[in-house]
């Protein structure tokens, strides 16, 4: 994915103060995810996950979000450890 380091657009109060820019940033990030063919976004940042999750739902995209701890827990459960 090009520029995975770019902000998703949430940034705390930024999303409230600049909703149009925040939405555009999230959509740019989600478009980049879609271009990879991925169907899962994993992050440790709850703000990013909530923001992207909201845009995913609004756009009806076939992507889900997951906190890194959830992903690790799934791996532990699947491996029976």
C-alpha atoms as a PDB file:
ATOM      1  CA  UNK A   1       0.000   0.000   0.000  1.00  0.00           C
ATOM      2  CA  UNK A   2       1.481   3.358  -0.909  1.00  0.00           C
ATOM      3  CA  UNK A   3       2.130   5.664   2.044  1.00  0.00           C
ATOM      4  CA  UNK A   4       0.868   3.482   4.911  1.00  0.00           C
ATOM      5  CA  UNK A   5       2.300   6.136   7.226  1.00  0.00           C
ATOM      6  CA  UNK A   6      -0.274   8.762   6.241  1.00  0.00           C
ATOM      7  CA  UNK A   7      -2.886   9.690   8.817  1.00  0.00           C
ATOM      8  CA  UNK A   8      -6.387   8.260   8.468  1.00  0.00           C
ATOM      9  CA  UNK A   9      -7.828  11.703   9.186  1.00  0.00           C
ATOM     10  CA  UNK A  10      -9.171  11.197  12.689  1.00  0.00           C
ATOM     11  CA  UNK A  11      -6.559  13.017  14.764  1.00  0.00           C
ATOM     12  CA  UNK A  12      -8.745  13.677  17.805  1.00  0.00           C
ATOM     13  CA  UNK A  13     -10.430  17.064  17.510  1.00  0.00           C
ATOM     14  CA  UNK A  14      -9.309  17.387  13.883  1.00  0.00           C
ATOM     15  CA  UNK A  15     -12.186  15.157  12.757  1.00  0.00           C
ATOM     16  CA  UNK A  16     -14.641  17.474  14.526  1.00  0.00           C
ATOM     17  CA  UNK A  17     -13.066  20.745  13.421  1.00  0.00           C
ATOM     18  CA  UNK A  18     -12.432  19.688   9.814  1.00  0.00           C
ATOM     19  CA  UNK A  19     -14.977  16.956   8.996  1.00  0.00           C
ATOM     20  CA  UNK A  20     -14.733  17.290   5.210  1.00  0.00           C
ATOM     21  CA  UNK A  21     -10.949  16.983   5.204  1.00  0.00           C
ATOM     22  CA  UNK A  22     -11.088  14.191   7.775  1.00  0.00           C
ATOM     23  CA  UNK A  23     -13.569  12.242   5.654  1.00  0.00           C
ATOM     24  CA  UNK A  24     -11.504  12.747   2.506  1.00  0.00           C
ATOM     25  CA  UNK A  25      -8.373  11.514   4.280  1.00  0.00           C
ATOM     26  CA  UNK A  26     -10.169   8.409   5.538  1.00  0.00           C
ATOM     27  CA  UNK A  27     -11.571   7.706   2.087  1.00  0.00           C
ATOM     28  CA  UNK A  28      -8.124   8.091   0.508  1.00  0.00           C
ATOM     29  CA  UNK A  29      -6.743   5.592   3.013  1.00  0.00           C
ATOM     30  CA  UNK A  30      -9.609   3.165   2.383  1.00  0.00           C
ATOM     31  CA  UNK A  31      -9.216   3.472  -1.391  1.00  0.00           C
ATOM     32  CA  UNK A  32      -5.552   2.527  -0.967  1.00  0.00           C
ATOM     33  CA  UNK A  33      -6.565  -0.486   1.128  1.00  0.00           C
ATOM     34  CA  UNK A  34      -9.113  -1.542  -1.488  1.00  0.00           C
ATOM     35  CA  UNK A  35      -6.474  -1.303  -4.209  1.00  0.00           C
ATOM     36  CA  UNK A  36      -4.402  -3.928  -2.384  1.00  0.00           C
ATOM     37  CA  UNK A  37      -7.279  -6.408  -2.285  1.00  0.00           C
ATOM     38  CA  UNK A  38      -7.081  -6.583   1.507  1.00  0.00           C
ATOM     39  CA  UNK A  39     -10.288  -7.112   3.453  1.00  0.00           C
ATOM     40  CA  UNK A  40      -8.890  -6.374   6.912  1.00  0.00           C
ATOM     41  CA  UNK A  41      -7.324  -3.315   8.528  1.00  0.00           C
ATOM     42  CA  UNK A  42      -5.325  -4.031  11.680  1.00  0.00           C
ATOM     43  CA  UNK A  43      -4.157  -1.241  13.959  1.00  0.00           C
ATOM     44  CA  UNK A  44      -3.289  -0.504  17.555  1.00  0.00           C
ATOM     45  CA  UNK A  45      -4.947   2.929  17.345  1.00  0.00           C
ATOM     46  CA  UNK A  46      -8.586   2.814  18.416  1.00  0.00           C
ATOM     47  CA  UNK A  47      -9.279   6.266  16.987  1.00  0.00           C
ATOM     48  CA  UNK A  48      -8.152   5.143  13.543  1.00  0.00           C
ATOM     49  CA  UNK A  49     -10.142   1.936  13.792  1.00  0.00           C
ATOM     50  CA  UNK A  50     -13.317   3.784  14.783  1.00  0.00           C
ATOM     51  CA  UNK A  51     -12.886   6.433  12.099  1.00  0.00           C
ATOM     52  CA  UNK A  52     -12.137   3.967   9.338  1.00  0.00           C
ATOM     53  CA  UNK A  53     -14.833   1.609  10.565  1.00  0.00           C
ATOM     54  CA  UNK A  54     -17.391   4.382  10.321  1.00  0.00           C
ATOM     55  CA  UNK A  55     -16.358   5.225   6.774  1.00  0.00           C
ATOM     56  CA  UNK A  56     -16.344   1.534   5.827  1.00  0.00           C
ATOM     57  CA  UNK A  57     -19.900   1.173   7.099  1.00  0.00           C
ATOM     58  CA  UNK A  58     -21.060   4.394   5.430  1.00  0.00           C
ATOM     59  CA  UNK A  59     -19.561   3.337   2.087  1.00  0.00           C
ATOM     60  CA  UNK A  60     -20.632  -0.300   2.388  1.00  0.00           C
ATOM     61  CA  UNK A  61     -17.107  -1.588   1.791  1.00  0.00           C
ATOM     62  CA  UNK A  62     -16.077  -5.251   2.118  1.00  0.00           C
ATOM     63  CA  UNK A  63     -13.407  -4.449   4.713  1.00  0.00           C
ATOM     64  CA  UNK A  64     -13.383  -4.968   8.443  1.00  0.00           C
ATOM     65  CA  UNK A  65     -11.238  -3.458  11.160  1.00  0.00           C
ATOM     66  CA  UNK A  66      -9.511  -5.227  14.010  1.00  0.00           C
ATOM     67  CA  UNK A  67      -7.300  -4.186  16.898  1.00  0.00           C
ATOM     68  CA  UNK A  68      -3.916  -5.913  16.926  1.00  0.00           C
ATOM     69  CA  UNK A  69      -4.776  -7.530  20.277  1.00  0.00           C
ATOM     70  CA  UNK A  70      -7.861  -9.132  18.707  1.00  0.00           C
ATOM     71  CA  UNK A  71      -5.792 -10.524  15.857  1.00  0.00           C
ATOM     72  CA  UNK A  72      -3.248 -11.977  18.254  1.00  0.00           C
ATOM     73  CA  UNK A  73      -6.009 -13.478  20.405  1.00  0.00           C
ATOM     74  CA  UNK A  74      -7.593 -15.115  17.353  1.00  0.00           C
ATOM     75  CA  UNK A  75      -4.224 -16.635  16.507  1.00  0.00           C
ATOM     76  CA  UNK A  76      -3.828 -17.989  20.020  1.00  0.00           C
ATOM     77  CA  UNK A  77      -7.312 -19.493  19.971  1.00  0.00           C
ATOM     78  CA  UNK A  78      -6.835 -21.077  16.552  1.00  0.00           C
ATOM     79  CA  UNK A  79      -3.561 -22.648  17.592  1.00  0.00           C
ATOM     80  CA  UNK A  80      -4.966 -23.949  20.868  1.00  0.00           C
ATOM     81  CA  UNK A  81      -2.378 -22.234  23.023  1.00  0.00           C
END
